[in-house]
Amino acid sequence: MPTFATMSILASARTGAPAGALLVVMTVAMTAVIVQRAVGTNAANAFLYPGTIGVLSLLVAYMVTNIGRCGSCSAASGARRCGRRRSR
């Protein structure tokens, strides 16, 4: 069954991994490191600001996931799909 990764033009032919996405992420990260070194950012600020944004992004992703799960499980048809047994 084809996945989004294997349908991509930039996917690895051998593994199907999204090589294009990795290339973009690595390019952005290296650009950020080069810019921070050029403007003289110290090590603490270079880690703490992106680290804080990353943690907050993960918290938002967890909240959105939980809200979606609660919404799908609260529907009458979602009782079986969410692993709960219906009472008789």
Foldseek 3Di string as FASTA:
>chain_A
DDDPLQVDPQHDPVPSHNVVVVVVVVVVVVVLVVVCVVVPPDPCVSCPVVVVVVVVVVVVVVVVVVVVLVVQCVDPVSVVVNPHDDDD
